[in-house]
Amino acid sequence: MFKNFVKFLLTVVITVYVIPSFAEEASMYVTENLQTFLRSGGGDQYRIVGSITAGTPVTVLRKNEKYSLIRDIRNREGWILNKELTNQQSSRKENPLLKAKIEELTLKLDSLDDSWKQRVSEMQRRTTQAEMQSSTLLEENIKLKREIDTIKNKNRNLETMLDANKQAIAIQWFIYGGSVLGVGLLLGLILPHIIPSRRRKPNGWA
């Protein structure tokens, strides 16, 4: 639909602006009648001296109310009715030029269309690739966060275990120290009773 609209616009532009540029060599053209008669003077009373084919470019040399003196591409001069002259080029010559121009512009349009489709396809491919990479990075980020949370939990558990071990070791040392102290006191109390003390000999002569 868009391509047909563009072709229509191109046809209008060519018809209005491009085709008239081909007519710079002649002032006017003979109208679409198959043949138009040339007269020897600028009036109906003058004799016919020849004919000219429709679409032939001519140069207007002089003009009155009804007739114009023209010169054709064969360098012939004669008078022709004003109503049988036009500023528009013959469609028989105009249409092939117009068709060729439309075909040329259509090829360019098709080339631009293909190029645009390739660019859109490449953009879509890159967008899809970027979305996949973004999704992968997001999944990796979530995985890393989970691993970090797991490590933090393990660290907290290890710190708790370490504190518990420190407390257990302190208690054990306290128990060992108390035991040693208790054993020492006990030995200090028991040993004097178990081991008999030596009686001291009185000082003096035997």
N, C-alpha and C. Protein backbone atom coordinates (compact mmCIF):
# COMPACT_ATOMS: atom_id res chain seq x y z
N MET A 1 0.82 -1.19 0.00
CA MET A 1 0.00 0.00 0.00
C MET A 1 0.87 1.25 0.00
N PHE A 2 1.84 1.29 0.87
CA PHE A 2 2.76 2.43 0.95
C PHE A 2 3.54 2.59 -0.34
N LYS A 3 3.99 1.47 -0.93
CA LYS A 3 4.77 1.53 -2.16
C LYS A 3 3.92 2.07 -3.31
N ASN A 4 2.65 1.65 -3.38
CA ASN A 4 1.76 2.16 -4.43
C ASN A 4 1.52 3.65 -4.28
N PHE A 5 1.39 4.11 -3.03
CA PHE A 5 1.20 5.53 -2.79
C PHE A 5 2.42 6.33 -3.23
N VAL A 6 3.62 5.80 -2.92
CA VAL A 6 4.85 6.46 -3.33
C VAL A 6 4.96 6.53 -4.84
N LYS A 7 4.58 5.42 -5.53
CA LYS A 7 4.61 5.41 -7.00
C LYS A 7 3.67 6.47 -7.57
N PHE A 8 2.49 6.60 -6.94
CA PHE A 8 1.55 7.61 -7.40
C PHE A 8 2.13 9.01 -7.26
N LEU A 9 2.75 9.29 -6.11
CA LEU A 9 3.38 10.59 -5.90
C LEU A 9 4.49 10.85 -6.90
N LEU A 10 5.29 9.81 -7.18
CA LEU A 10 6.36 9.95 -8.15
C LEU A 10 5.81 10.27 -9.53
N THR A 11 4.69 9.63 -9.90
CA THR A 11 4.06 9.90 -11.20
C THR A 11 3.62 11.35 -11.30
N VAL A 12 3.01 11.85 -10.22
CA VAL A 12 2.55 13.24 -10.22
C VAL A 12 3.72 14.20 -10.33
N VAL A 13 4.78 13.93 -9.55
CA VAL A 13 5.95 14.81 -9.56
C VAL A 13 6.60 14.83 -10.93
N ILE A 14 6.74 13.64 -11.53
CA ILE A 14 7.37 13.56 -12.85
C ILE A 14 6.54 14.29 -13.88
N THR A 15 5.22 14.11 -13.80
CA THR A 15 4.33 14.74 -14.78
C THR A 15 4.39 16.27 -14.69
N VAL A 16 4.45 16.77 -13.43
CA VAL A 16 4.39 18.22 -13.24
C VAL A 16 5.74 18.89 -13.42
N TYR A 17 6.83 18.21 -12.91
CA TYR A 17 8.13 18.89 -12.86
C TYR A 17 9.17 18.31 -13.82
N VAL A 18 9.18 16.99 -13.99
CA VAL A 18 10.26 16.37 -14.74
C VAL A 18 10.02 16.42 -16.23
N ILE A 19 8.83 15.97 -16.67
CA ILE A 19 8.55 15.87 -18.11
C ILE A 19 8.64 17.22 -18.81
N PRO A 20 8.11 18.33 -18.22
CA PRO A 20 8.22 19.61 -18.92
C PRO A 20 9.65 20.03 -19.23
N SER A 21 10.62 19.53 -18.45
CA SER A 21 12.02 19.89 -18.70
C SER A 21 12.52 19.34 -20.02
N PHE A 22 11.88 18.27 -20.53
CA PHE A 22 12.29 17.71 -21.81
C PHE A 22 11.83 18.58 -22.98
N ALA A 23 10.99 19.56 -22.71
CA ALA A 23 10.39 20.35 -23.80
C ALA A 23 11.06 21.71 -23.97
N GLU A 24 12.24 21.89 -23.42
CA GLU A 24 12.87 23.19 -23.48
C GLU A 24 13.26 23.59 -24.89
N GLU A 25 13.43 22.65 -25.81
CA GLU A 25 13.86 22.97 -27.17
C GLU A 25 12.73 23.53 -28.02
N ALA A 26 11.47 23.38 -27.61
CA ALA A 26 10.35 23.86 -28.42
C ALA A 26 9.37 24.59 -27.53
N SER A 27 8.70 25.56 -28.12
CA SER A 27 7.75 26.34 -27.35
C SER A 27 6.47 25.58 -27.09
N MET A 28 5.99 24.89 -28.12
CA MET A 28 4.70 24.22 -28.00
C MET A 28 4.70 22.92 -28.80
N TYR A 29 3.55 22.21 -28.72
CA TYR A 29 3.38 20.94 -29.42
C TYR A 29 2.05 20.94 -30.13
N VAL A 30 2.00 20.16 -31.21
CA VAL A 30 0.73 19.97 -31.90
C VAL A 30 -0.13 19.04 -31.07
N THR A 31 -1.44 19.32 -30.99
CA THR A 31 -2.32 18.53 -30.13
C THR A 31 -2.48 17.11 -30.62
N GLU A 32 -3.31 16.35 -29.90
CA GLU A 32 -3.40 14.91 -30.11
C GLU A 32 -4.19 14.49 -31.34
N ASN A 33 -4.65 15.43 -32.17
CA ASN A 33 -5.28 15.03 -33.44
C ASN A 33 -4.25 14.27 -34.27
N LEU A 34 -4.69 13.34 -35.07
CA LEU A 34 -3.75 12.54 -35.83
C LEU A 34 -2.91 13.40 -36.77
N GLN A 35 -3.57 14.35 -37.45
CA GLN A 35 -2.84 15.28 -38.30
C GLN A 35 -3.54 16.64 -38.26
N THR A 36 -2.75 17.67 -38.40
CA THR A 36 -3.28 19.02 -38.43
C THR A 36 -2.77 19.72 -39.69
N PHE A 37 -3.66 20.47 -40.34
CA PHE A 37 -3.28 21.11 -41.60
C PHE A 37 -2.53 22.41 -41.35
N LEU A 38 -1.59 22.66 -42.24
CA LEU A 38 -0.86 23.92 -42.25
C LEU A 38 -1.41 24.78 -43.39
N ARG A 39 -1.60 26.06 -43.14
CA ARG A 39 -2.10 26.98 -44.15
C ARG A 39 -1.01 28.00 -44.50
N SER A 40 -1.18 28.59 -45.65
CA SER A 40 -0.18 29.54 -46.13
C SER A 40 -0.31 30.90 -45.46
N GLY A 41 -1.41 31.14 -44.78
CA GLY A 41 -1.63 32.41 -44.09
C GLY A 41 -2.43 32.22 -42.84
N GLY A 42 -2.56 33.30 -42.07
CA GLY A 42 -3.23 33.22 -40.77
C GLY A 42 -4.71 33.40 -40.84
N GLY A 43 -5.42 32.57 -41.64
CA GLY A 43 -6.87 32.64 -41.72
C GLY A 43 -7.42 31.44 -42.45
N ASP A 44 -8.76 31.25 -42.32
CA ASP A 44 -9.38 30.09 -42.96
C ASP A 44 -9.39 30.20 -44.48
N GLN A 45 -9.26 31.40 -45.00
CA GLN A 45 -9.33 31.60 -46.45
C GLN A 45 -8.05 31.20 -47.16
N TYR A 46 -6.97 30.99 -46.39
CA TYR A 46 -5.69 30.64 -47.02
C TYR A 46 -5.67 29.15 -47.32
N ARG A 47 -4.93 28.82 -48.37
CA ARG A 47 -4.91 27.43 -48.82
C ARG A 47 -4.06 26.56 -47.88
N ILE A 48 -4.36 25.27 -47.91
CA ILE A 48 -3.61 24.29 -47.12
C ILE A 48 -2.34 23.95 -47.88
N VAL A 49 -1.22 24.08 -47.20
CA VAL A 49 0.08 23.84 -47.83
C VAL A 49 0.73 22.56 -47.31
N GLY A 50 0.10 21.90 -46.34
CA GLY A 50 0.68 20.68 -45.82
C GLY A 50 -0.01 20.24 -44.54
N SER A 51 0.55 19.25 -43.93
CA SER A 51 -0.01 18.75 -42.65
C SER A 51 1.15 18.44 -41.70
N ILE A 52 0.82 18.36 -40.45
CA ILE A 52 1.83 18.07 -39.43
C ILE A 52 1.26 17.06 -38.45
N THR A 53 2.09 16.12 -38.06
CA THR A 53 1.64 15.00 -37.22
C THR A 53 1.48 15.46 -35.77
N ALA A 54 0.49 14.86 -35.10
CA ALA A 54 0.24 15.18 -33.68
C ALA A 54 1.47 14.88 -32.84
N GLY A 55 1.74 15.76 -31.89
CA GLY A 55 2.86 15.57 -30.98
C GLY A 55 4.16 16.15 -31.48
N THR A 56 4.17 16.72 -32.71
CA THR A 56 5.40 17.28 -33.26
C THR A 56 5.75 18.58 -32.54
N PRO A 57 6.99 18.72 -32.06
CA PRO A 57 7.37 19.99 -31.44
C PRO A 57 7.56 21.07 -32.50
N VAL A 58 7.07 22.25 -32.20
CA VAL A 58 7.16 23.37 -33.14
C VAL A 58 7.59 24.63 -32.39
N THR A 59 8.08 25.60 -33.16
CA THR A 59 8.43 26.91 -32.62
C THR A 59 7.45 27.93 -33.15
N VAL A 60 6.82 28.66 -32.23
CA VAL A 60 5.84 29.67 -32.63
C VAL A 60 6.59 30.95 -32.99
N LEU A 61 6.40 31.41 -34.24
CA LEU A 61 7.08 32.61 -34.72
C LEU A 61 6.21 33.86 -34.58
N ARG A 62 4.91 33.69 -34.79
CA ARG A 62 4.00 34.82 -34.74
C ARG A 62 2.61 34.31 -34.40
N LYS A 63 1.75 35.23 -33.94
CA LYS A 63 0.45 34.76 -33.48
C LYS A 63 -0.60 35.85 -33.70
N ASN A 64 -1.81 35.43 -34.13
CA ASN A 64 -2.95 36.34 -34.14
C ASN A 64 -4.08 35.75 -33.32
N GLU A 65 -5.29 36.25 -33.51
CA GLU A 65 -6.38 35.79 -32.66
C GLU A 65 -6.72 34.32 -32.87
N LYS A 66 -6.55 33.80 -34.09
CA LYS A 66 -7.00 32.44 -34.38
C LYS A 66 -5.89 31.51 -34.83
N TYR A 67 -4.86 32.06 -35.48
CA TYR A 67 -3.80 31.23 -36.04
C TYR A 67 -2.43 31.67 -35.49
N SER A 68 -1.47 30.70 -35.59
CA SER A 68 -0.08 30.97 -35.21
C SER A 68 0.82 30.51 -36.33
N LEU A 69 1.87 31.32 -36.62
CA LEU A 69 2.88 30.94 -37.60
C LEU A 69 3.92 30.11 -36.87
N ILE A 70 4.14 28.86 -37.36
CA ILE A 70 5.05 27.96 -36.65
C ILE A 70 6.13 27.45 -37.61
N ARG A 71 7.22 26.96 -36.99
CA ARG A 71 8.27 26.27 -37.74
C ARG A 71 8.45 24.91 -37.08
N ASP A 72 8.39 23.82 -37.91
CA ASP A 72 8.51 22.48 -37.34
C ASP A 72 9.95 22.00 -37.38
N ILE A 73 10.17 20.75 -36.97
CA ILE A 73 11.53 20.21 -36.88
C ILE A 73 12.13 19.98 -38.26
N ARG A 74 11.30 19.99 -39.30
CA ARG A 74 11.81 19.86 -40.68
C ARG A 74 12.06 21.23 -41.31
N ASN A 75 11.99 22.29 -40.46
CA ASN A 75 12.23 23.66 -40.89
C ASN A 75 11.15 24.18 -41.84
N ARG A 76 9.98 23.57 -41.80
CA ARG A 76 8.85 24.05 -42.59
C ARG A 76 8.12 25.12 -41.79
N GLU A 77 7.58 26.11 -42.48
CA GLU A 77 6.80 27.15 -41.84
C GLU A 77 5.38 27.13 -42.38
N GLY A 78 4.43 27.42 -41.50
CA GLY A 78 3.03 27.47 -41.90
C GLY A 78 2.19 27.94 -40.74
N TRP A 79 0.90 28.19 -41.07
CA TRP A 79 -0.03 28.69 -40.06
C TRP A 79 -0.92 27.55 -39.57
N ILE A 80 -1.12 27.53 -38.24
CA ILE A 80 -1.91 26.46 -37.62
C ILE A 80 -2.87 27.09 -36.61
N LEU A 81 -4.03 26.49 -36.43
CA LEU A 81 -5.00 26.99 -35.46
C LEU A 81 -4.40 27.02 -34.05
N ASN A 82 -4.67 28.10 -33.31
CA ASN A 82 -4.15 28.23 -31.94
C ASN A 82 -4.65 27.10 -31.03
N LYS A 83 -5.90 26.69 -31.27
CA LYS A 83 -6.48 25.66 -30.40
C LYS A 83 -5.83 24.30 -30.61
N GLU A 84 -5.06 24.18 -31.72
CA GLU A 84 -4.39 22.91 -31.98
C GLU A 84 -2.93 22.93 -31.55
N LEU A 85 -2.59 23.90 -30.71
CA LEU A 85 -1.26 23.97 -30.09
C LEU A 85 -1.41 23.81 -28.58
N THR A 86 -0.45 23.20 -27.97
CA THR A 86 -0.49 22.99 -26.53
C THR A 86 0.92 23.09 -25.95
N ASN A 87 0.96 23.41 -24.69
CA ASN A 87 2.26 23.46 -24.00
C ASN A 87 2.70 22.10 -23.49
N GLN A 88 1.79 21.13 -23.56
CA GLN A 88 2.08 19.80 -23.04
C GLN A 88 2.65 18.91 -24.14
N GLN A 89 3.65 18.12 -23.76
CA GLN A 89 4.24 17.19 -24.72
C GLN A 89 3.25 16.07 -25.05
N SER A 90 3.35 15.53 -26.24
CA SER A 90 2.46 14.45 -26.67
C SER A 90 2.58 13.26 -25.73
N SER A 91 1.42 12.69 -25.41
CA SER A 91 1.43 11.54 -24.49
C SER A 91 2.15 10.36 -25.10
N ARG A 92 2.18 10.29 -26.45
CA ARG A 92 2.87 9.17 -27.09
C ARG A 92 4.38 9.24 -26.86
N LYS A 93 4.89 10.44 -26.66
CA LYS A 93 6.31 10.58 -26.32
C LYS A 93 6.50 10.70 -24.81
N GLU A 94 5.49 11.29 -24.20
CA GLU A 94 5.60 11.51 -22.76
C GLU A 94 5.48 10.21 -21.97
N ASN A 95 4.56 9.35 -22.40
CA ASN A 95 4.32 8.12 -21.64
C ASN A 95 5.54 7.21 -21.55
N PRO A 96 6.27 6.95 -22.66
CA PRO A 96 7.47 6.12 -22.52
C PRO A 96 8.51 6.73 -21.59
N LEU A 97 8.69 8.07 -21.69
CA LEU A 97 9.63 8.73 -20.78
C LEU A 97 9.16 8.61 -19.34
N LEU A 98 7.87 8.84 -19.17
CA LEU A 98 7.30 8.74 -17.82
C LEU A 98 7.42 7.31 -17.29
N LYS A 99 7.13 6.35 -18.14
CA LYS A 99 7.22 4.95 -17.72
C LYS A 99 8.65 4.57 -17.36
N ALA A 100 9.62 5.03 -18.19
CA ALA A 100 11.03 4.72 -17.91
C ALA A 100 11.45 5.36 -16.59
N LYS A 101 11.00 6.61 -16.37
CA LYS A 101 11.37 7.29 -15.13
C LYS A 101 10.74 6.59 -13.93
N ILE A 102 9.49 6.17 -14.09
CA ILE A 102 8.82 5.46 -12.99
C ILE A 102 9.53 4.14 -12.70
N GLU A 103 9.93 3.42 -13.77
CA GLU A 103 10.64 2.16 -13.57
C GLU A 103 11.97 2.40 -12.86
N GLU A 104 12.66 3.46 -13.27
CA GLU A 104 13.94 3.78 -12.62
C GLU A 104 13.75 4.09 -11.14
N LEU A 105 12.76 4.93 -10.86
CA LEU A 105 12.50 5.29 -9.47
C LEU A 105 11.96 4.11 -8.68
N THR A 106 11.20 3.23 -9.36
CA THR A 106 10.70 2.03 -8.68
C THR A 106 11.85 1.12 -8.27
N LEU A 107 12.83 0.98 -9.16
CA LEU A 107 14.01 0.17 -8.82
C LEU A 107 14.74 0.76 -7.63
N LYS A 108 14.88 2.10 -7.63
CA LYS A 108 15.54 2.75 -6.49
C LYS A 108 14.73 2.55 -5.22
N LEU A 109 13.40 2.65 -5.37
CA LEU A 109 12.53 2.45 -4.21
C LEU A 109 12.64 1.02 -3.68
N ASP A 110 12.66 0.05 -4.60
CA ASP A 110 12.81 -1.35 -4.19
C ASP A 110 14.14 -1.56 -3.49
N SER A 111 15.20 -0.91 -4.04
CA SER A 111 16.52 -1.04 -3.42
C SER A 111 16.52 -0.45 -2.02
N LEU A 112 15.89 0.74 -1.89
CA LEU A 112 15.79 1.35 -0.56
C LEU A 112 14.96 0.50 0.38
N ASP A 113 13.90 -0.10 -0.16
CA ASP A 113 13.03 -0.95 0.65
C ASP A 113 13.80 -2.17 1.15
N ASP A 114 14.58 -2.80 0.24
CA ASP A 114 15.38 -3.96 0.64
C ASP A 114 16.43 -3.56 1.68
N SER A 115 17.06 -2.39 1.43
CA SER A 115 18.07 -1.91 2.38
C SER A 115 17.44 -1.64 3.74
N TRP A 116 16.25 -1.05 3.73
CA TRP A 116 15.57 -0.76 4.98
C TRP A 116 15.17 -2.04 5.70
N LYS A 117 14.70 -3.03 4.93
CA LYS A 117 14.34 -4.31 5.54
C LYS A 117 15.56 -4.97 6.18
N GLN A 118 16.71 -4.89 5.49
CA GLN A 118 17.93 -5.46 6.05
C GLN A 118 18.32 -4.75 7.34
N ARG A 119 18.19 -3.41 7.34
CA ARG A 119 18.53 -2.67 8.55
C ARG A 119 17.60 -3.01 9.70
N VAL A 120 16.30 -3.10 9.37
CA VAL A 120 15.33 -3.46 10.41
C VAL A 120 15.61 -4.86 10.95
N SER A 121 15.93 -5.80 10.03
CA SER A 121 16.25 -7.16 10.45
C SER A 121 17.48 -7.18 11.34
N GLU A 122 18.51 -6.39 10.96
CA GLU A 122 19.73 -6.34 11.77
C GLU A 122 19.45 -5.72 13.13
N MET A 123 18.62 -4.66 13.15
CA MET A 123 18.26 -4.04 14.43
C MET A 123 17.49 -5.02 15.31
N GLN A 124 16.57 -5.77 14.71
CA GLN A 124 15.81 -6.76 15.48
C GLN A 124 16.73 -7.85 16.02
N ARG A 125 17.71 -8.27 15.18
CA ARG A 125 18.64 -9.30 15.62
C ARG A 125 19.47 -8.80 16.80
N ARG A 126 19.97 -7.56 16.69
CA ARG A 126 20.77 -7.00 17.77
C ARG A 126 19.94 -6.80 19.03
N THR A 127 18.67 -6.38 18.84
CA THR A 127 17.80 -6.19 20.00
C THR A 127 17.54 -7.52 20.70
N THR A 128 17.28 -8.56 19.91
CA THR A 128 17.05 -9.89 20.49
C THR A 128 18.30 -10.37 21.22
N GLN A 129 19.47 -10.16 20.59
CA GLN A 129 20.73 -10.57 21.22
C GLN A 129 20.96 -9.81 22.52
N ALA A 130 20.68 -8.50 22.50
CA ALA A 130 20.85 -7.70 23.71
C ALA A 130 19.89 -8.15 24.82
N GLU A 131 18.65 -8.48 24.42
CA GLU A 131 17.69 -8.96 25.41
C GLU A 131 18.14 -10.28 26.01
N MET A 132 18.69 -11.17 25.16
CA MET A 132 19.18 -12.45 25.67
C MET A 132 20.35 -12.24 26.62
N GLN A 133 21.29 -11.36 26.24
CA GLN A 133 22.43 -11.07 27.11
C GLN A 133 21.97 -10.45 28.41
N SER A 134 21.00 -9.53 28.32
CA SER A 134 20.48 -8.90 29.53
C SER A 134 19.82 -9.93 30.44
N SER A 135 19.05 -10.85 29.83
CA SER A 135 18.41 -11.90 30.62
C SER A 135 19.44 -12.81 31.29
N THR A 136 20.50 -13.15 30.53
CA THR A 136 21.56 -13.99 31.08
C THR A 136 22.26 -13.30 32.25
N LEU A 137 22.58 -12.02 32.06
CA LEU A 137 23.24 -11.25 33.13
C LEU A 137 22.34 -11.14 34.35
N LEU A 138 21.04 -10.95 34.11
CA LEU A 138 20.11 -10.86 35.23
C LEU A 138 20.06 -12.17 36.01
N GLU A 139 20.03 -13.29 35.29
CA GLU A 139 20.02 -14.59 35.96
C GLU A 139 21.32 -14.81 36.74
N GLU A 140 22.46 -14.43 36.13
CA GLU A 140 23.74 -14.57 36.84
C GLU A 140 23.77 -13.69 38.07
N ASN A 141 23.22 -12.48 37.96
CA ASN A 141 23.18 -11.58 39.11
C ASN A 141 22.36 -12.16 40.25
N ILE A 142 21.18 -12.72 39.89
CA ILE A 142 20.34 -13.35 40.91
C ILE A 142 21.06 -14.54 41.55
N LYS A 143 21.76 -15.33 40.71
CA LYS A 143 22.50 -16.48 41.23
C LYS A 143 23.60 -16.04 42.18
N LEU A 144 24.33 -14.97 41.80
CA LEU A 144 25.41 -14.46 42.66
C LEU A 144 24.85 -13.93 43.99
N LYS A 145 23.69 -13.26 43.94
CA LYS A 145 23.08 -12.77 45.17
C LYS A 145 22.70 -13.93 46.09
N ARG A 146 22.17 -15.00 45.47
CA ARG A 146 21.84 -16.17 46.28
C ARG A 146 23.08 -16.77 46.91
N GLU A 147 24.15 -16.88 46.13
CA GLU A 147 25.41 -17.42 46.66
C GLU A 147 25.95 -16.54 47.79
N ILE A 148 25.84 -15.21 47.60
CA ILE A 148 26.30 -14.30 48.65
C ILE A 148 25.49 -14.48 49.92
N ASP A 149 24.17 -14.60 49.76
CA ASP A 149 23.31 -14.82 50.93
C ASP A 149 23.67 -16.14 51.62
N THR A 150 23.95 -17.17 50.82
CA THR A 150 24.32 -18.47 51.39
C THR A 150 25.63 -18.35 52.17
N ILE A 151 26.61 -17.66 51.58
CA ILE A 151 27.91 -17.47 52.26
C ILE A 151 27.73 -16.67 53.54
N LYS A 152 26.87 -15.63 53.49
CA LYS A 152 26.63 -14.85 54.70
C LYS A 152 26.02 -15.72 55.79
N ASN A 153 25.07 -16.57 55.42
CA ASN A 153 24.45 -17.46 56.41
C ASN A 153 25.48 -18.43 56.99
N LYS A 154 26.35 -18.95 56.09
CA LYS A 154 27.40 -19.85 56.58
C LYS A 154 28.35 -19.12 57.53
N ASN A 155 28.69 -17.89 57.21
CA ASN A 155 29.57 -17.10 58.07
C ASN A 155 28.94 -16.87 59.44
N ARG A 156 27.64 -16.55 59.42
CA ARG A 156 26.95 -16.36 60.70
C ARG A 156 26.93 -17.64 61.52
N ASN A 157 26.69 -18.77 60.84
CA ASN A 157 26.70 -20.06 61.54
C ASN A 157 28.08 -20.36 62.11
N LEU A 158 29.12 -20.09 61.30
CA LEU A 158 30.48 -20.33 61.77
C LEU A 158 30.84 -19.43 62.94
N GLU A 159 30.41 -18.16 62.89
CA GLU A 159 30.67 -17.25 64.01
C GLU A 159 29.96 -17.73 65.26
N THR A 160 28.72 -18.22 65.08
CA THR A 160 27.98 -18.74 66.24
C THR A 160 28.68 -19.96 66.83
N MET A 161 29.14 -20.87 65.94
CA MET A 161 29.86 -22.05 66.40
C MET A 161 31.17 -21.66 67.08
N LEU A 162 31.85 -20.66 66.53
CA LEU A 162 33.12 -20.22 67.13
C LEU A 162 32.89 -19.65 68.52
N ASP A 163 31.84 -18.85 68.65
CA ASP A 163 31.54 -18.29 69.98
C ASP A 163 31.19 -19.41 70.96
N ALA A 164 30.43 -20.40 70.46
CA ALA A 164 30.08 -21.53 71.34
C ALA A 164 31.33 -22.30 71.74
N ASN A 165 32.25 -22.51 70.79
CA ASN A 165 33.50 -23.23 71.10
C ASN A 165 34.34 -22.45 72.10
N LYS A 166 34.38 -21.12 71.92
CA LYS A 166 35.14 -20.30 72.88
C LYS A 166 34.57 -20.43 74.28
N GLN A 167 33.23 -20.40 74.36
CA GLN A 167 32.60 -20.55 75.67
C GLN A 167 32.88 -21.94 76.26
N ALA A 168 32.83 -22.98 75.41
CA ALA A 168 33.08 -24.34 75.90
C ALA A 168 34.52 -24.47 76.39
N ILE A 169 35.45 -23.90 75.62
CA ILE A 169 36.87 -23.97 76.03
C ILE A 169 37.07 -23.22 77.34
N ALA A 170 36.45 -22.05 77.46
CA ALA A 170 36.59 -21.29 78.71
C ALA A 170 36.04 -22.08 79.89
N ILE A 171 34.89 -22.73 79.66
CA ILE A 171 34.29 -23.54 80.74
C ILE A 171 35.21 -24.71 81.10
N GLN A 172 35.77 -25.37 80.06
CA GLN A 172 36.66 -26.49 80.31
C GLN A 172 37.89 -26.05 81.11
N TRP A 173 38.47 -24.91 80.70
CA TRP A 173 39.64 -24.41 81.45
C TRP A 173 39.26 -24.06 82.89
N PHE A 174 38.07 -23.52 83.03
CA PHE A 174 37.62 -23.19 84.37
C PHE A 174 37.45 -24.46 85.20
N ILE A 175 36.88 -25.49 84.54
CA ILE A 175 36.69 -26.76 85.25
C ILE A 175 38.04 -27.38 85.58
N TYR A 176 38.96 -27.38 84.59
CA TYR A 176 40.29 -27.95 84.84
C TYR A 176 41.01 -27.20 85.95
N GLY A 177 40.96 -25.90 85.89
CA GLY A 177 41.62 -25.10 86.93
C GLY A 177 41.02 -25.37 88.29
N GLY A 178 39.70 -25.43 88.36
CA GLY A 178 39.05 -25.71 89.63
C GLY A 178 39.40 -27.10 90.14
N SER A 179 39.48 -28.04 89.20
CA SER A 179 39.83 -29.41 89.60
C SER A 179 41.23 -29.47 90.17
N VAL A 180 42.15 -28.82 89.45
CA VAL A 180 43.55 -28.82 89.93
C VAL A 180 43.63 -28.17 91.31
N LEU A 181 42.94 -27.06 91.46
CA LEU A 181 42.96 -26.37 92.75
C LEU A 181 42.34 -27.23 93.85
N GLY A 182 41.26 -27.90 93.47
CA GLY A 182 40.61 -28.75 94.47
C GLY A 182 41.50 -29.93 94.87
N VAL A 183 42.16 -30.53 93.86
CA VAL A 183 43.05 -31.66 94.16
C VAL A 183 44.21 -31.20 95.04
N GLY A 184 44.73 -29.99 94.70
CA GLY A 184 45.84 -29.47 95.50
C GLY A 184 45.44 -29.25 96.94
N LEU A 185 44.29 -28.67 97.18
CA LEU A 185 43.81 -28.44 98.54
C LEU A 185 43.59 -29.75 99.27
N LEU A 186 43.00 -30.72 98.50
CA LEU A 186 42.72 -32.01 99.11
C LEU A 186 44.00 -32.70 99.53
N LEU A 187 45.00 -32.67 98.64
CA LEU A 187 46.28 -33.29 98.97
C LEU A 187 46.93 -32.56 100.16
N GLY A 188 46.75 -31.25 100.16
CA GLY A 188 47.35 -30.50 101.27
C GLY A 188 46.73 -30.86 102.61
N LEU A 189 45.50 -31.26 102.60
CA LEU A 189 44.84 -31.64 103.83
C LEU A 189 45.09 -33.09 104.22
N ILE A 190 45.22 -33.98 103.24
CA ILE A 190 45.31 -35.41 103.51
C ILE A 190 46.74 -35.83 103.79
N LEU A 191 47.66 -35.31 102.99
CA LEU A 191 49.04 -35.79 103.10
C LEU A 191 49.62 -35.64 104.52
N PRO A 192 49.39 -34.60 105.24
CA PRO A 192 49.97 -34.51 106.59
C PRO A 192 49.49 -35.63 107.52
N HIS A 193 48.31 -36.10 107.27
CA HIS A 193 47.81 -37.18 108.11
C HIS A 193 48.32 -38.53 107.67
N ILE A 194 48.62 -38.67 106.39
CA ILE A 194 49.09 -39.96 105.90
C ILE A 194 50.57 -40.16 106.20
N ILE A 195 51.32 -39.14 105.96
CA ILE A 195 52.78 -39.27 106.16
C ILE A 195 53.09 -38.89 107.61
N PRO A 196 53.64 -39.87 108.44
CA PRO A 196 53.96 -39.57 109.85
C PRO A 196 55.15 -38.62 109.93
N SER A 197 55.05 -37.74 110.83
CA SER A 197 56.15 -36.79 111.01
C SER A 197 57.22 -37.40 111.90
N ARG A 198 58.49 -37.12 111.61
CA ARG A 198 59.60 -37.61 112.42
C ARG A 198 59.65 -36.86 113.76
N ARG A 199 59.83 -37.71 114.77
CA ARG A 199 59.98 -37.08 116.08
C ARG A 199 61.37 -36.50 116.22
N ARG A 200 61.40 -35.37 116.76
CA ARG A 200 62.69 -34.69 116.98
C ARG A 200 63.35 -35.24 118.25
N LYS A 201 64.66 -35.53 118.10
CA LYS A 201 65.46 -35.96 119.27
C LYS A 201 65.75 -34.75 120.14
N PRO A 202 65.68 -34.97 121.49
CA PRO A 202 65.98 -33.87 122.40
C PRO A 202 67.45 -33.50 122.32
N ASN A 203 67.74 -32.26 122.50
CA ASN A 203 69.11 -31.76 122.51
C ASN A 203 69.78 -32.13 123.85
N GLY A 204 70.98 -32.54 123.79
CA GLY A 204 71.75 -32.87 125.02
C GLY A 204 72.59 -34.09 124.80
N TRP A 205 73.26 -34.51 125.86
CA TRP A 205 74.14 -35.66 125.79
C TRP A 205 73.36 -36.91 125.93
N ALA A 206 73.69 -37.84 125.24
CA ALA A 206 73.02 -39.13 125.34
C ALA A 206 73.57 -39.92 126.49
